[in-house]
Amino acid sequence: IQESRDLHEVALLVVGNKRDLLPDTRYAAERSREMASLVRKQWKAGYVEVSAKYNWRVVAAFRELIAAVEETRARDSSRPHNLHELHEAIESSKCTIL
């Protein structure tokens, strides 16, 4: 997803909703772990299951998203963020990688 849409600088969190409709069994828990692992490996993103109906893990999903945004910003903090910073970076160096 990130490569096809050039979203390397965008925080991505996959949220599985309607968790309340799944049975609370060992199989469902294992399936959730498999899904989380797949999302992490394939899409390089976080995964959270929620139930909006019961407000279960909804706040956790937002916290995960905030953490992902902060991580993305920290990773990207050395790159110029606006046109003025870009011009300064170009003028201060003969070679600039964007």
C-alpha atoms as a PDB file:
ATOM      1  CA  ILE A   1       0.000   0.000   0.000  1.00  0.00           C
ATOM      2  CA  GLN A   2       2.688   2.464   1.020  1.00  0.00           C
ATOM      3  CA  GLU A   3       4.808   1.768  -2.069  1.00  0.00           C
ATOM      4  CA  SER A   4       1.956   1.825  -4.573  1.00  0.00           C
ATOM      5  CA  ARG A   5       0.645   5.136  -3.252  1.00  0.00           C
ATOM      6  CA  ASP A   6       4.009   6.670  -2.240  1.00  0.00           C
ATOM      7  CA  LEU A   7       2.922   6.822   1.389  1.00  0.00           C
ATOM      8  CA  HIS A   8       6.317   6.249   3.012  1.00  0.00           C
ATOM      9  CA  GLU A   9       5.907   9.406   5.092  1.00  0.00           C
ATOM     10  CA  VAL A  10       2.346   8.618   6.196  1.00  0.00           C
ATOM     11  CA  ALA A  11       1.495   6.761   9.391  1.00  0.00           C
ATOM     12  CA  LEU A  12      -0.638   3.730   8.633  1.00  0.00           C
ATOM     13  CA  LEU A  13      -2.779   1.762  11.079  1.00  0.00           C
ATOM     14  CA  VAL A  14      -5.198  -0.974  10.040  1.00  0.00           C
ATOM     15  CA  VAL A  15      -8.220  -1.091  12.343  1.00  0.00           C
ATOM     16  CA  GLY A  16     -10.437  -4.157  12.397  1.00  0.00           C
ATOM     17  CA  ASN A  17     -13.895  -3.075  13.539  1.00  0.00           C
ATOM     18  CA  LYS A  18     -16.862  -5.090  14.850  1.00  0.00           C
ATOM     19  CA  ARG A  19     -14.682  -7.256  17.100  1.00  0.00           C
ATOM     20  CA  ASP A  20     -17.781  -7.845  19.213  1.00  0.00           C
ATOM     21  CA  LEU A  21     -19.197 -10.033  16.415  1.00  0.00           C
ATOM     22  CA  LEU A  22     -16.340 -12.554  16.667  1.00  0.00           C
ATOM     23  CA  PRO A  23     -16.591 -15.375  19.187  1.00  0.00           C
ATOM     24  CA  ASP A  24     -14.237 -15.185  22.138  1.00  0.00           C
ATOM     25  CA  THR A  25     -12.426 -18.421  21.332  1.00  0.00           C
ATOM     26  CA  ARG A  26      -8.841 -19.567  21.027  1.00  0.00           C
ATOM     27  CA  TYR A  27      -9.308 -19.792  17.242  1.00  0.00           C
ATOM     28  CA  ALA A  28     -10.469 -16.161  17.006  1.00  0.00           C
ATOM     29  CA  ALA A  29      -7.524 -15.001  19.116  1.00  0.00           C
ATOM     30  CA  GLU A  30      -5.074 -16.923  16.928  1.00  0.00           C
ATOM     31  CA  ARG A  31      -6.693 -15.519  13.782  1.00  0.00           C
ATOM     32  CA  SER A  32      -6.290 -11.988  15.181  1.00  0.00           C
ATOM     33  CA  ARG A  33      -2.593 -12.610  15.885  1.00  0.00           C
ATOM     34  CA  GLU A  34      -2.122 -13.952  12.355  1.00  0.00           C
ATOM     35  CA  MET A  35      -3.804 -10.887  10.891  1.00  0.00           C
ATOM     36  CA  ALA A  36      -1.657  -8.534  12.983  1.00  0.00           C
ATOM     37  CA  SER A  37       1.489 -10.374  11.895  1.00  0.00           C
ATOM     38  CA  LEU A  38       0.464 -10.257   8.235  1.00  0.00           C
ATOM     39  CA  VAL A  39      -0.268  -6.523   8.378  1.00  0.00           C
ATOM     40  CA  ARG A  40       3.081  -5.823  10.086  1.00  0.00           C
ATOM     41  CA  LYS A  41       5.082  -7.911   7.613  1.00  0.00           C
ATOM     42  CA  GLN A  42       3.280  -7.129   4.362  1.00  0.00           C
ATOM     43  CA  TRP A  43       2.183  -3.536   4.883  1.00  0.00           C
ATOM     44  CA  LYS A  44       4.648  -2.358   7.554  1.00  0.00           C
ATOM     45  CA  ALA A  45       1.696  -1.060   9.562  1.00  0.00           C
ATOM     46  CA  GLY A  46       0.096  -1.523  12.947  1.00  0.00           C
ATOM     47  CA  TYR A  47      -3.084  -3.508  13.486  1.00  0.00           C
ATOM     48  CA  VAL A  48      -5.736  -3.080  16.178  1.00  0.00           C
ATOM     49  CA  GLU A  49      -9.105  -4.771  16.550  1.00  0.00           C
ATOM     50  CA  VAL A  50     -11.867  -2.666  18.076  1.00  0.00           C
ATOM     51  CA  SER A  51     -15.552  -2.701  18.874  1.00  0.00           C
ATOM     52  CA  ALA A  52     -17.149   0.699  18.449  1.00  0.00           C
ATOM     53  CA  LYS A  53     -20.387  -0.744  19.818  1.00  0.00           C
ATOM     54  CA  TYR A  54     -18.786  -1.460  23.197  1.00  0.00           C
ATOM     55  CA  ASN A  55     -16.014   1.156  22.910  1.00  0.00           C
ATOM     56  CA  TRP A  56     -13.507  -1.700  23.262  1.00  0.00           C
ATOM     57  CA  ARG A  57      -9.927  -0.689  22.374  1.00  0.00           C
ATOM     58  CA  VAL A  58     -11.089   2.418  20.485  1.00  0.00           C
ATOM     59  CA  VAL A  59      -8.863   4.659  22.613  1.00  0.00           C
ATOM     60  CA  ALA A  60      -6.023   2.156  22.147  1.00  0.00           C
ATOM     61  CA  ALA A  61      -6.419   2.480  18.375  1.00  0.00           C
ATOM     62  CA  PHE A  62      -6.053   6.256  18.581  1.00  0.00           C
ATOM     63  CA  ARG A  63      -3.018   5.888  20.864  1.00  0.00           C
ATOM     64  CA  GLU A  64      -1.431   3.474  18.377  1.00  0.00           C
ATOM     65  CA  LEU A  65      -2.079   5.951  15.579  1.00  0.00           C
ATOM     66  CA  ILE A  66      -0.553   8.824  17.568  1.00  0.00           C
ATOM     67  CA  ALA A  67       2.523   6.683  18.258  1.00  0.00           C
ATOM     68  CA  ALA A  68       2.799   5.844  14.545  1.00  0.00           C
ATOM     69  CA  VAL A  69       2.534   9.531  13.602  1.00  0.00           C
ATOM     70  CA  GLU A  70       5.201  10.484  16.142  1.00  0.00           C
ATOM     71  CA  GLU A  71       7.492   7.716  14.891  1.00  0.00           C
ATOM     72  CA  THR A  72       7.023   8.859  11.293  1.00  0.00           C
ATOM     73  CA  ARG A  73       7.764  12.472  12.258  1.00  0.00           C
ATOM     74  CA  ALA A  74      10.891  11.462  14.182  1.00  0.00           C
ATOM     75  CA  ARG A  75      12.128   9.430  11.218  1.00  0.00           C
ATOM     76  CA  ASP A  76      11.428  12.324   8.879  1.00  0.00           C
ATOM     77  CA  SER A  77      12.720  15.148  11.105  1.00  0.00           C
ATOM     78  CA  SER A  78      15.988  15.546   9.204  1.00  0.00           C
ATOM     79  CA  ARG A  79      14.274  16.223   5.867  1.00  0.00           C
ATOM     80  CA  PRO A  80      13.118  19.711   4.801  1.00  0.00           C
ATOM     81  CA  HIS A  81       9.393  20.216   5.423  1.00  0.00           C
ATOM     82  CA  ASN A  82       8.671  23.381   3.512  1.00  0.00           C
ATOM     83  CA  LEU A  83       9.941  25.313   0.506  1.00  0.00           C
ATOM     84  CA  HIS A  84      12.094  27.689   2.583  1.00  0.00           C
ATOM     85  CA  GLU A  85      13.865  24.794   4.314  1.00  0.00           C
ATOM     86  CA  LEU A  86      14.339  23.108   0.945  1.00  0.00           C
ATOM     87  CA  HIS A  87      16.022  26.197  -0.522  1.00  0.00           C
ATOM     88  CA  GLU A  88      18.276  26.492   2.534  1.00  0.00           C
ATOM     89  CA  ALA A  89      19.266  22.842   2.219  1.00  0.00           C
ATOM     90  CA  ILE A  90      20.094  23.273  -1.458  1.00  0.00           C
ATOM     91  CA  GLU A  91      22.132  26.445  -0.879  1.00  0.00           C
ATOM     92  CA  SER A  92      24.119  24.962   2.008  1.00  0.00           C
ATOM     93  CA  SER A  93      25.238  21.897   0.075  1.00  0.00           C
ATOM     94  CA  LYS A  94      26.401  21.073  -3.402  1.00  0.00           C
ATOM     95  CA  CYS A  95      24.592  17.760  -3.274  1.00  0.00           C
ATOM     96  CA  THR A  96      21.112  17.312  -1.850  1.00  0.00           C
ATOM     97  CA  ILE A  97      19.164  14.089  -1.655  1.00  0.00           C
ATOM     98  CA  LEU A  98      15.411  14.499  -1.326  1.00  0.00           C
END
